[in-house]
Structure formats: structure tokens, C-alpha cells
C-alpha atoms as a PDB file:
ATOM      1  CA  MET A   1       0.000   0.000   0.000  1.00  0.00           C
ATOM      2  CA  SER A   2       1.398   3.380  -0.992  1.00  0.00           C
ATOM      3  CA  VAL A   3       1.463   6.571   1.036  1.00  0.00           C
ATOM      4  CA  LEU A   4      -0.848   9.141  -0.583  1.00  0.00           C
ATOM      5  CA  TYR A   5       0.209  12.777  -0.857  1.00  0.00           C
ATOM      6  CA  LEU A   6      -2.106  15.700  -1.636  1.00  0.00           C
ATOM      7  CA  ASP A   7      -1.258  19.397  -1.888  1.00  0.00           C
ATOM      8  CA  THR A   8      -3.103  22.440  -0.626  1.00  0.00           C
ATOM      9  CA  ASP A   9      -3.549  23.911  -4.112  1.00  0.00           C
ATOM     10  CA  CYS A  10      -6.003  21.036  -4.631  1.00  0.00           C
ATOM     11  CA  GLU A  11      -8.563  22.729  -2.439  1.00  0.00           C
ATOM     12  CA  ILE A  12     -10.714  20.071  -0.789  1.00  0.00           C
ATOM     13  CA  PRO A  13     -13.429  21.150   1.678  1.00  0.00           C
ATOM     14  CA  VAL A  14     -12.158  20.826   5.241  1.00  0.00           C
ATOM     15  CA  HIS A  15     -14.959  18.491   6.299  1.00  0.00           C
ATOM     16  CA  GLU A  16     -14.031  16.152   3.440  1.00  0.00           C
ATOM     17  CA  TYR A  17     -10.257  16.440   3.851  1.00  0.00           C
ATOM     18  CA  ASN A  18     -10.483  15.383   7.476  1.00  0.00           C
ATOM     19  CA  LYS A  19     -12.080  12.088   6.408  1.00  0.00           C
ATOM     20  CA  LEU A  20      -9.114  11.204   4.196  1.00  0.00           C
ATOM     21  CA  THR A  21      -5.832   9.490   4.975  1.00  0.00           C
ATOM     22  CA  ALA A  22      -3.081  11.434   3.252  1.00  0.00           C
ATOM     23  CA  GLU A  23       0.135  13.344   3.765  1.00  0.00           C
ATOM     24  CA  THR A  24      -0.079  17.056   2.993  1.00  0.00           C
ATOM     25  CA  ILE A  25       2.198  19.137   0.794  1.00  0.00           C
ATOM     26  CA  SER A  26       1.477  22.700   1.859  1.00  0.00           C
ATOM     27  CA  MET A  27       2.051  25.312  -0.847  1.00  0.00           C
ATOM     28  CA  PRO A  28       3.202  28.512   0.891  1.00  0.00           C
ATOM     29  CA  TYR A  29       2.306  32.149   0.398  1.00  0.00           C
ATOM     30  CA  THR A  30       3.544  35.397   1.901  1.00  0.00           C
ATOM     31  CA  ILE A  31       1.407  38.337   3.014  1.00  0.00           C
ATOM     32  CA  ASP A  32       2.583  41.407   4.923  1.00  0.00           C
ATOM     33  CA  GLY A  33       6.030  39.841   5.269  1.00  0.00           C
ATOM     34  CA  GLU A  34       4.754  36.638   6.881  1.00  0.00           C
ATOM     35  CA  GLN A  35       5.291  33.283   5.161  1.00  0.00           C
ATOM     36  CA  ILE A  36       2.357  30.966   5.749  1.00  0.00           C
ATOM     37  CA  TYR A  37       1.838  27.275   4.996  1.00  0.00           C
ATOM     38  CA  PRO A  38      -1.903  26.536   4.637  1.00  0.00           C
ATOM     39  CA  ASP A  39      -3.418  23.799   6.795  1.00  0.00           C
ATOM     40  CA  PRO A  40      -6.129  21.908   4.847  1.00  0.00           C
ATOM     41  CA  THR A  41      -7.544  20.454   8.076  1.00  0.00           C
ATOM     42  CA  LYS A  42      -8.596  23.878   9.364  1.00  0.00           C
ATOM     43  CA  ASP A  43     -10.942  26.541   8.005  1.00  0.00           C
ATOM     44  CA  PHE A  44      -9.192  29.351   6.148  1.00  0.00           C
ATOM     45  CA  ASP A  45      -9.910  32.873   7.473  1.00  0.00           C
ATOM     46  CA  TYR A  46     -10.715  34.259   4.041  1.00  0.00           C
ATOM     47  CA  LYS A  47     -12.258  37.459   5.417  1.00  0.00           C
ATOM     48  CA  ASP A  48      -8.978  38.437   7.058  1.00  0.00           C
ATOM     49  CA  PHE A  49      -6.926  37.464   3.989  1.00  0.00           C
ATOM     50  CA  PHE A  50      -9.051  39.209   1.373  1.00  0.00           C
ATOM     51  CA  GLY A  51      -9.687  42.127   3.732  1.00  0.00           C
ATOM     52  CA  ARG A  52      -5.934  42.721   3.831  1.00  0.00           C
ATOM     53  CA  VAL A  53      -5.750  42.483   0.043  1.00  0.00           C
ATOM     54  CA  ARG A  54      -8.516  45.066  -0.285  1.00  0.00           C
ATOM     55  CA  LYS A  55      -6.500  47.386   1.959  1.00  0.00           C
ATOM     56  CA  GLY A  56      -3.455  47.085  -0.288  1.00  0.00           C
ATOM     57  CA  SER A  57      -1.548  44.009   0.874  1.00  0.00           C
ATOM     58  CA  MET A  58       0.110  42.166  -2.008  1.00  0.00           C
ATOM     59  CA  PRO A  59       0.283  38.431  -1.293  1.00  0.00           C
ATOM     60  CA  THR A  60       2.831  36.415  -3.224  1.00  0.00           C
ATOM     61  CA  THR A  61       3.218  32.695  -3.820  1.00  0.00           C
ATOM     62  CA  MET A  62       6.379  30.631  -4.041  1.00  0.00           C
ATOM     63  CA  ALA A  63       7.564  27.281  -5.310  1.00  0.00           C
ATOM     64  CA  LEU A  64       8.948  24.602  -3.041  1.00  0.00           C
ATOM     65  CA  ASN A  65      12.606  23.749  -3.701  1.00  0.00           C
ATOM     66  CA  PRO A  66      14.046  20.255  -4.298  1.00  0.00           C
ATOM     67  CA  GLN A  67      15.144  19.889  -0.676  1.00  0.00           C
ATOM     68  CA  ASP A  68      11.587  20.633   0.474  1.00  0.00           C
ATOM     69  CA  TYR A  69      10.289  17.745  -1.602  1.00  0.00           C
ATOM     70  CA  ILE A  70      13.031  15.428  -0.385  1.00  0.00           C
ATOM     71  CA  GLU A  71      12.126  16.190   3.224  1.00  0.00           C
ATOM     72  CA  LEU A  72       8.445  15.599   2.492  1.00  0.00           C
ATOM     73  CA  PHE A  73       8.844  12.324   0.597  1.00  0.00           C
ATOM     74  CA  GLU A  74      11.788  10.702   2.364  1.00  0.00           C
ATOM     75  CA  PRO A  75      10.022   9.552   5.568  1.00  0.00           C
ATOM     76  CA  ALA A  76       7.721   7.290   3.532  1.00  0.00           C
ATOM     77  CA  LEU A  77      10.598   5.939   1.471  1.00  0.00           C
ATOM     78  CA  LYS A  78      12.680   5.260   4.589  1.00  0.00           C
ATOM     79  CA  ALA A  79       9.768   3.153   5.817  1.00  0.00           C
ATOM     80  CA  ASN A  80       9.973   1.210   2.541  1.00  0.00           C
ATOM     81  CA  GLU A  81       6.646   2.611   1.344  1.00  0.00           C
ATOM     82  CA  ASP A  82       5.737   3.565  -2.216  1.00  0.00           C
ATOM     83  CA  ILE A  83       4.449   7.091  -2.863  1.00  0.00           C
ATOM     84  CA  LEU A  84       1.440   8.286  -4.852  1.00  0.00           C
ATOM     85  CA  TYR A  85       1.093  12.056  -5.264  1.00  0.00           C
ATOM     86  CA  VAL A  86      -2.073  13.546  -6.807  1.00  0.00           C
ATOM     87  CA  HIS A  87      -1.307  17.198  -7.530  1.00  0.00           C
ATOM     88  CA  PHE A  88      -2.579  20.428  -9.057  1.00  0.00           C
ATOM     89  CA  SER A  89      -1.759  21.386 -12.643  1.00  0.00           C
ATOM     90  CA  HIS A  90       1.952  21.364 -13.458  1.00  0.00           C
ATOM     91  CA  LYS A  91       1.217  24.054 -16.078  1.00  0.00           C
ATOM     92  CA  MET A  92       0.508  26.569 -13.319  1.00  0.00           C
ATOM     93  CA  SER A  93       3.738  26.432 -11.321  1.00  0.00           C
ATOM     94  CA  GLY A  94       7.450  25.946 -11.708  1.00  0.00           C
ATOM     95  CA  THR A  95       7.453  23.965  -8.460  1.00  0.00           C
ATOM     96  CA  PHE A  96       7.130  20.703 -10.398  1.00  0.00           C
ATOM     97  CA  ASP A  97      10.535  21.143 -12.028  1.00  0.00           C
ATOM     98  CA  TYR A  98      11.995  21.127  -8.512  1.00  0.00           C
ATOM     99  CA  MET A  99       9.814  18.180  -7.549  1.00  0.00           C
ATOM    100  CA  ASN A 100      11.121  16.168 -10.501  1.00  0.00           C
ATOM    101  CA  GLN A 101      14.700  16.969  -9.509  1.00  0.00           C
ATOM    102  CA  ALA A 102      13.980  15.710  -5.995  1.00  0.00           C
ATOM    103  CA  ILE A 103      12.324  12.533  -7.267  1.00  0.00           C
ATOM    104  CA  GLU A 104      15.327  11.698  -9.462  1.00  0.00           C
ATOM    105  CA  GLU A 105      17.590  11.948  -6.408  1.00  0.00           C
ATOM    106  CA  LEU A 106      15.256   9.873  -4.266  1.00  0.00           C
ATOM    107  CA  LYS A 107      14.923   7.137  -6.886  1.00  0.00           C
ATOM    108  CA  LYS A 108      18.690   6.683  -6.830  1.00  0.00           C
ATOM    109  CA  LYS A 109      18.709   6.507  -3.048  1.00  0.00           C
ATOM    110  CA  TYR A 110      15.618   4.260  -2.748  1.00  0.00           C
ATOM    111  CA  PRO A 111      15.536   2.204  -5.978  1.00  0.00           C
ATOM    112  CA  GLU A 112      13.283  -0.429  -4.426  1.00  0.00           C
ATOM    113  CA  CYS A 113      10.463   2.092  -3.875  1.00  0.00           C
ATOM    114  CA  LYS A 114       8.072   3.468  -6.476  1.00  0.00           C
ATOM    115  CA  ILE A 115       7.199   7.166  -6.685  1.00  0.00           C
ATOM    116  CA  THR A 116       4.127   7.892  -8.803  1.00  0.00           C
ATOM    117  CA  THR A 117       2.789  11.369  -9.544  1.00  0.00           C
ATOM    118  CA  VAL A 118      -0.436  12.135 -11.388  1.00  0.00           C
ATOM    119  CA  ASP A 119      -1.659  15.550 -12.526  1.00  0.00           C
ATOM    120  CA  THR A 120      -5.272  16.672 -12.046  1.00  0.00           C
ATOM    121  CA  LEU A 121      -4.710  19.318 -14.770  1.00  0.00           C
ATOM    122  CA  SER A 122      -6.601  21.867 -12.678  1.00  0.00           C
ATOM    123  CA  ILE A 123      -6.336  24.003  -9.577  1.00  0.00           C
ATOM    124  CA  SER A 124      -8.394  25.046  -6.544  1.00  0.00           C
ATOM    125  CA  ALA A 125     -11.530  22.924  -6.135  1.00  0.00           C
ATOM    126  CA  GLY A 126     -11.238  21.913  -9.792  1.00  0.00           C
ATOM    127  CA  ALA A 127      -8.205  19.891  -8.769  1.00  0.00           C
ATOM    128  CA  GLY A 128      -9.716  19.205  -5.367  1.00  0.00           C
ATOM    129  CA  LEU A 129     -12.727  17.306  -6.689  1.00  0.00           C
ATOM    130  CA  THR A 130     -10.502  14.905  -8.632  1.00  0.00           C
ATOM    131  CA  ALA A 131      -8.005  14.592  -5.767  1.00  0.00           C
ATOM    132  CA  MET A 132     -10.758  13.962  -3.213  1.00  0.00           C
ATOM    133  CA  LEU A 133     -12.301  11.142  -5.239  1.00  0.00           C
ATOM    134  CA  ALA A 134      -8.854   9.638  -5.806  1.00  0.00           C
ATOM    135  CA  ALA A 135      -8.133   9.808  -2.067  1.00  0.00           C
ATOM    136  CA  GLN A 136     -11.422   8.100  -1.297  1.00  0.00           C
ATOM    137  CA  MET A 137     -10.422   5.280  -3.662  1.00  0.00           C
ATOM    138  CA  HIS A 138      -7.044   5.044  -1.935  1.00  0.00           C
ATOM    139  CA  LYS A 139      -8.700   4.796   1.462  1.00  0.00           C
ATOM    140  CA  ARG A 140     -10.889   1.951   0.168  1.00  0.00           C
ATOM    141  CA  GLY A 141      -7.769   0.054  -0.889  1.00  0.00           C
ATOM    142  CA  ALA A 142      -7.575   0.748  -4.629  1.00  0.00           C
ATOM    143  CA  SER A 143      -4.181   0.190  -6.249  1.00  0.00           C
ATOM    144  CA  ASP A 144      -2.022   3.053  -7.462  1.00  0.00           C
ATOM    145  CA  ASP A 145      -2.595   1.968 -11.066  1.00  0.00           C
ATOM    146  CA  GLU A 146      -6.356   2.028 -10.560  1.00  0.00           C
ATOM    147  CA  ILE A 147      -6.186   5.500  -9.039  1.00  0.00           C
ATOM    148  CA  VAL A 148      -3.943   6.851 -11.799  1.00  0.00           C
ATOM    149  CA  LYS A 149      -6.316   5.513 -14.461  1.00  0.00           C
ATOM    150  CA  PHE A 150      -9.241   7.130 -12.658  1.00  0.00           C
ATOM    151  CA  VAL A 151      -7.501  10.507 -12.381  1.00  0.00           C
ATOM    152  CA  GLU A 152      -6.422  10.489 -16.027  1.00  0.00           C
ATOM    153  CA  LYS A 153     -10.041   9.934 -17.055  1.00  0.00           C
ATOM    154  CA  PHE A 154     -11.909  12.028 -14.494  1.00  0.00           C
ATOM    155  CA  ARG A 155      -9.640  15.077 -14.768  1.00  0.00           C
ATOM    156  CA  GLN A 156     -11.107  15.766 -18.215  1.00  0.00           C
ATOM    157  CA  GLU A 157     -14.613  15.554 -16.745  1.00  0.00           C
ATOM    158  CA  SER A 158     -13.975  18.117 -13.990  1.00  0.00           C
ATOM    159  CA  ASN A 159     -14.889  21.536 -15.380  1.00  0.00           C
ATOM    160  CA  CYS A 160     -13.696  24.766 -13.735  1.00  0.00           C
ATOM    161  CA  TYR A 161     -14.775  28.322 -14.619  1.00  0.00           C
ATOM    162  CA  PHE A 162     -14.473  31.591 -12.755  1.00  0.00           C
ATOM    163  CA  VAL A 163     -14.918  35.344 -13.106  1.00  0.00           C
ATOM    164  CA  VAL A 164     -12.830  37.973 -11.356  1.00  0.00           C
ATOM    165  CA  ASP A 165     -14.032  41.304 -10.037  1.00  0.00           C
ATOM    166  CA  ASN A 166     -10.815  43.315 -10.302  1.00  0.00           C
ATOM    167  CA  LEU A 167      -8.686  42.795 -13.413  1.00  0.00           C
ATOM    168  CA  MET A 168      -5.610  44.337 -11.775  1.00  0.00           C
ATOM    169  CA  HIS A 169      -5.088  41.138  -9.804  1.00  0.00           C
ATOM    170  CA  LEU A 170      -4.749  39.206 -13.057  1.00  0.00           C
ATOM    171  CA  PHE A 171      -2.233  41.809 -14.237  1.00  0.00           C
ATOM    172  CA  ARG A 172      -0.167  41.458 -11.050  1.00  0.00           C
ATOM    173  CA  GLY A 173      -0.193  37.700 -11.468  1.00  0.00           C
ATOM    174  CA  GLY A 174       1.102  37.960 -15.023  1.00  0.00           C
ATOM    175  CA  ARG A 175      -2.171  36.728 -16.567  1.00  0.00           C
ATOM    176  CA  LEU A 176      -3.125  40.041 -18.233  1.00  0.00           C
ATOM    177  CA  SER A 177      -1.328  43.086 -19.611  1.00  0.00           C
ATOM    178  CA  LYS A 178      -1.605  46.329 -17.654  1.00  0.00           C
ATOM    179  CA  THR A 179      -3.243  48.091 -20.585  1.00  0.00           C
ATOM    180  CA  SER A 180      -5.894  45.395 -20.906  1.00  0.00           C
ATOM    181  CA  ALA A 181      -6.498  45.453 -17.163  1.00  0.00           C
ATOM    182  CA  VAL A 182      -6.929  49.243 -17.033  1.00  0.00           C
ATOM    183  CA  ILE A 183      -9.165  49.460 -20.100  1.00  0.00           C
ATOM    184  CA  GLY A 184     -11.184  46.423 -19.046  1.00  0.00           C
ATOM    185  CA  SER A 185     -11.764  47.917 -15.602  1.00  0.00           C
ATOM    186  CA  MET A 186     -12.906  51.207 -17.125  1.00  0.00           C
ATOM    187  CA  ILE A 187     -15.595  49.527 -19.222  1.00  0.00           C
ATOM    188  CA  ASN A 188     -16.597  47.033 -16.492  1.00  0.00           C
ATOM    189  CA  LEU A 189     -15.320  44.044 -18.463  1.00  0.00           C
ATOM    190  CA  LYS A 190     -15.514  40.699 -16.657  1.00  0.00           C
ATOM    191  CA  PRO A 191     -13.647  37.915 -18.456  1.00  0.00           C
ATOM    192  CA  LEU A 192     -14.933  34.380 -18.045  1.00  0.00           C
ATOM    193  CA  ILE A 193     -11.897  32.158 -17.475  1.00  0.00           C
ATOM    194  CA  GLY A 194     -11.713  28.379 -17.605  1.00  0.00           C
ATOM    195  CA  VAL A 195      -9.119  25.668 -17.168  1.00  0.00           C
ATOM    196  CA  ASN A 196      -8.527  23.968 -20.517  1.00  0.00           C
ATOM    197  CA  SER A 197      -7.796  20.316 -21.220  1.00  0.00           C
ATOM    198  CA  ASP A 198      -4.034  20.918 -20.881  1.00  0.00           C
ATOM    199  CA  GLY A 199      -4.407  22.391 -17.398  1.00  0.00           C
ATOM    200  CA  LYS A 200      -3.884  26.014 -18.436  1.00  0.00           C
ATOM    201  CA  LEU A 201      -6.050  29.061 -17.751  1.00  0.00           C
ATOM    202  CA  GLU A 202      -7.869  30.274 -20.848  1.00  0.00           C
ATOM    203  CA  ALA A 203     -10.289  33.148 -21.453  1.00  0.00           C
ATOM    204  CA  CYS A 204     -13.655  31.809 -22.646  1.00  0.00           C
ATOM    205  CA  ALA A 205     -15.611  35.034 -23.080  1.00  0.00           C
ATOM    206  CA  LYS A 206     -15.593  38.763 -22.339  1.00  0.00           C
ATOM    207  CA  ILE A 207     -18.716  39.826 -20.498  1.00  0.00           C
ATOM    208  CA  MET A 208     -19.915  43.325 -19.642  1.00  0.00           C
ATOM    209  CA  GLY A 209     -21.117  43.697 -16.078  1.00  0.00           C
ATOM    210  CA  ARG A 210     -20.987  41.733 -12.860  1.00  0.00           C
ATOM    211  CA  LYS A 211     -24.457  40.177 -12.884  1.00  0.00           C
ATOM    212  CA  LYS A 212     -24.082  38.945 -16.454  1.00  0.00           C
ATOM    213  CA  SER A 213     -20.745  37.365 -15.587  1.00  0.00           C
ATOM    214  CA  LEU A 214     -22.321  35.458 -12.679  1.00  0.00           C
ATOM    215  CA  LEU A 215     -25.139  34.271 -14.924  1.00  0.00           C
ATOM    216  CA  ALA A 216     -22.506  33.100 -17.412  1.00  0.00           C
ATOM    217  CA  LEU A 217     -21.210  30.698 -14.740  1.00  0.00           C
ATOM    218  CA  VAL A 218     -24.715  29.330 -14.318  1.00  0.00           C
ATOM    219  CA  ASP A 219     -25.041  28.959 -18.089  1.00  0.00           C
ATOM    220  CA  LYS A 220     -21.812  26.916 -18.258  1.00  0.00           C
ATOM    221  CA  VAL A 221     -23.217  24.414 -15.773  1.00  0.00           C
ATOM    222  CA  LYS A 222     -26.546  24.343 -17.625  1.00  0.00           C
ATOM    223  CA  GLN A 223     -24.821  23.904 -20.985  1.00  0.00           C
ATOM    224  CA  TYR A 224     -22.189  21.297 -20.124  1.00  0.00           C
ATOM    225  CA  GLY A 225     -23.078  19.678 -16.801  1.00  0.00           C
ATOM    226  CA  THR A 226     -23.730  15.919 -16.826  1.00  0.00           C
ATOM    227  CA  ASN A 227     -24.453  13.418 -14.040  1.00  0.00           C
ATOM    228  CA  LEU A 228     -24.554  16.364 -11.673  1.00  0.00           C
ATOM    229  CA  ALA A 229     -26.351  14.455  -8.937  1.00  0.00           C
ATOM    230  CA  ASP A 230     -23.505  11.935  -8.771  1.00  0.00           C
ATOM    231  CA  TYR A 231     -20.797  14.422  -7.762  1.00  0.00           C
ATOM    232  CA  PRO A 232     -20.481  17.582  -5.636  1.00  0.00           C
ATOM    233  CA  LEU A 233     -21.002  20.866  -7.429  1.00  0.00           C
ATOM    234  CA  TYR A 234     -18.811  23.551  -5.883  1.00  0.00           C
ATOM    235  CA  ILE A 235     -19.324  27.300  -5.970  1.00  0.00           C
ATOM    236  CA  LEU A 236     -16.167  29.222  -5.068  1.00  0.00           C
ATOM    237  CA  GLN A 237     -16.201  32.709  -3.607  1.00  0.00           C
ATOM    238  CA  ALA A 238     -13.417  35.077  -2.616  1.00  0.00           C
ATOM    239  CA  ASP A 239     -15.076  37.071   0.178  1.00  0.00           C
ATOM    240  CA  CYS A 240     -18.202  37.784  -1.868  1.00  0.00           C
ATOM    241  CA  GLU A 241     -20.838  35.670  -0.145  1.00  0.00           C
ATOM    242  CA  GLU A 242     -23.824  37.413  -1.740  1.00  0.00           C
ATOM    243  CA  ASP A 243     -22.558  36.713  -5.245  1.00  0.00           C
ATOM    244  CA  GLY A 244     -21.830  33.121  -4.318  1.00  0.00           C
ATOM    245  CA  LYS A 245     -25.344  32.780  -2.913  1.00  0.00           C
ATOM    246  CA  PHE A 246     -26.783  34.337  -6.089  1.00  0.00           C
ATOM    247  CA  VAL A 247     -25.120  31.633  -8.205  1.00  0.00           C
ATOM    248  CA  TYR A 248     -26.179  28.975  -5.682  1.00  0.00           C
ATOM    249  CA  ASP A 249     -29.842  30.021  -5.843  1.00  0.00           C
ATOM    250  CA  LYS A 250     -29.860  30.049  -9.648  1.00  0.00           C
ATOM    251  CA  LEU A 251     -28.282  26.599  -9.838  1.00  0.00           C
ATOM    252  CA  LYS A 252     -30.541  25.179  -7.124  1.00  0.00           C
ATOM    253  CA  GLU A 253     -33.583  26.305  -9.131  1.00  0.00           C
ATOM    254  CA  LEU A 254     -32.249  24.419 -12.139  1.00  0.00           C
ATOM    255  CA  PHE A 255     -30.891  21.370 -10.300  1.00  0.00           C
ATOM    256  CA  PRO A 256     -32.754  20.941  -6.981  1.00  0.00           C
ATOM    257  CA  GLU A 257     -31.492  17.360  -6.536  1.00  0.00           C
ATOM    258  CA  VAL A 258     -27.801  18.256  -6.818  1.00  0.00           C
ATOM    259  CA  ASN A 259     -25.457  18.585  -3.820  1.00  0.00           C
ATOM    260  CA  ILE A 260     -24.246  22.182  -4.200  1.00  0.00           C
ATOM    261  CA  GLU A 261     -21.676  23.545  -1.774  1.00  0.00           C
ATOM    262  CA  ILE A 262     -20.302  27.079  -1.448  1.00  0.00           C
ATOM    263  CA  MET A 263     -16.669  27.200  -0.361  1.00  0.00           C
ATOM    264  CA  PRO A 264     -14.039  29.948  -0.064  1.00  0.00           C
ATOM    265  CA  ILE A 265     -11.197  30.290  -2.521  1.00  0.00           C
ATOM    266  CA  GLY A 266      -7.914  29.555  -0.775  1.00  0.00           C
ATOM    267  CA  PRO A 267      -5.000  31.954  -0.270  1.00  0.00           C
ATOM    268  CA  VAL A 268      -2.609  30.706  -2.963  1.00  0.00           C
ATOM    269  CA  ILE A 269      -5.190  30.927  -5.740  1.00  0.00           C
ATOM    270  CA  GLY A 270      -6.722  33.991  -4.090  1.00  0.00           C
ATOM    271  CA  ALA A 271      -3.382  35.781  -4.311  1.00  0.00           C
ATOM    272  CA  HIS A 272      -3.688  35.715  -8.106  1.00  0.00           C
ATOM    273  CA  CYS A 273      -7.423  36.245  -8.648  1.00  0.00           C
ATOM    274  CA  GLY A 274      -8.167  38.645  -5.797  1.00  0.00           C
ATOM    275  CA  PRO A 275     -11.328  39.312  -3.746  1.00  0.00           C
ATOM    276  CA  GLY A 276     -14.655  39.194  -5.531  1.00  0.00           C
ATOM    277  CA  THR A 277     -13.799  36.139  -7.610  1.00  0.00           C
ATOM    278  CA  VAL A 278     -16.579  33.579  -8.100  1.00  0.00           C
ATOM    279  CA  GLY A 279     -16.178  30.145  -9.683  1.00  0.00           C
ATOM    280  CA  VAL A 280     -18.014  26.892 -10.388  1.00  0.00           C
ATOM    281  CA  ILE A 281     -16.701  23.311 -10.411  1.00  0.00           C
ATOM    282  CA  PHE A 282     -18.884  20.566 -11.862  1.00  0.00           C
ATOM    283  CA  HIS A 283     -18.908  17.256 -13.739  1.00  0.00           C
ATOM    284  CA  ALA A 284     -19.241  17.100 -17.534  1.00  0.00           C
ATOM    285  CA  ASN A 285     -18.609  14.514 -20.237  1.00  0.00           C
ATOM    286  CA  LYS A 286     -15.412  16.348 -21.163  1.00  0.00           C
ATOM    287  CA  ARG A 287     -13.551  19.528 -20.327  1.00  0.00           C
ATOM    288  CA  ASN A 288     -15.160  22.343 -22.300  1.00  0.00           C
ATOM    289  CA  MET A 289     -14.065  25.885 -23.109  1.00  0.00           C
END
């Protein structure tokens, strides 16, 4: 039986995470000079975090280095255990280059042990839904090969879309030019952004106005959602509860039988999208843009 690793950029609801048996790789962020490692077993104080951002704090994220990964993985290998790591999209961080360096070193040191990594090709709860289901399989005793096959299939069925309120956060995160951010803000432009089949962020549409952008999230679920009653449907909100509730009510009218849960966006993703971001995560036959 392998040791399962999950990371905090795969945002799994706390009440679900605490039911799982997994080691945690905490992806750090810095705000107001303090470096913080998120704890997925505890509720995130999103009001404090996004309140600080609204007042001008500029949170930053950082990659783990090879030694970090060695220190995280080596205890399992020393115990002669294999490792299975289900992680967020490698397209969204340079941290995986360092991880691969660490794994090459560890394979030389522990050749009898197997280290398997599998990419959810998403982030936030988009990655979290896939990772949570994989972890549930692991807890039930599924083999690593079975879990990898599941992830490679299900990751293309987990759809993730979101809209941001302030385009300057996308500019600061390198996702948008300053000119586009300034002009877009002036005309109240709200881009609809999705995670494509390669695990990259991609603009799906440019929408004028906040309410229309929230309705566009609802339309994506209505247009592409399949087998919705079989899986959780997550609504993400970055300190904008009323907007999250608006999307919830619209979706509940359409799909009263579906388990819909509102959850906060975590700090690492929140550092890039900023307060006021709303997203939806749901099951579809394939990843759509």
C-alpha cells in the first residue's frame, strides 16, 4: 500500500479532507512579510486574507525547492513505502521542475520504492474534486494503477470556470497586460476564465457587467453539466458571499437534486485572482471551453 500525498492547491473542503488518509504538501504564500503554509484540516480565514488584500496588501506565492520535496517524501521511502502524489496542474507552477529533480535523487537513493505522480490538470476545487475522489479510492484500498487511471479519465470531466471582479489582480499575477487590465476595468469588463484540457487558464468570453458574468457561470453548468447528482457541485467565492449565494440560488432552481456547496477560494489561488472572484466546479462529459 502506498502513502498518498495531496497538496493544498487542490482545495478540498475541510470536512471532506479530514475524512481522508493522506500526507499534505502545503504550498506557501507570503502576506505582509509573513510566510504561511496553509493547513487543509482547518478553516481558512478568508475574510482576514481578502480584507488585507482590499486594503493594499500584495500576497505572493512561491515554489517549493528540491530539498523541500526530499524532506516531504523521504520519511515514507525510509519506511519502505511507495508514494502516490495527486497534484494540481503542473502548467501553473514551476514547483514541479523542482519536484522532478527531488524525485530523481530519491529514486537513486531508494531504488526499491516506487514514486508515482499524477496531474489533475486543474487548480483550486477543480483539482480538489478529482483529488478527493482519488483519495477516497485510496482509502478503500484501490491500487495506485487504478487511481492513476481514474484521475487520467476524471480530470477531463472536472470543469472549472471563474470570473474575477478586479482585473488588476490578473495583471499582477502575469495573466493580463496592464493596458488590458486598465481598459477592461474602465468599461466594467468581466472575463470568463476556464481551465482547458491541458491544465492552463484560458479566457472563454468577455462579459460586460458583474451580474451577467455570474449568470454566465450558471449557463456553463446548464450547458455542459452531466451526471450532476452523482458528484459535488462547488461554488467558489473570494469574500463575496452574496454573489456566491446568487449563483447557488440560480443553480438550485435548475438542479434541486444536486449537492451544491459554497466554499471559499484559498489563499494561494486567491493571491492571483483577488477578492470578488466567483467560480463553479462541476462534472461534464469532457472539459469544455
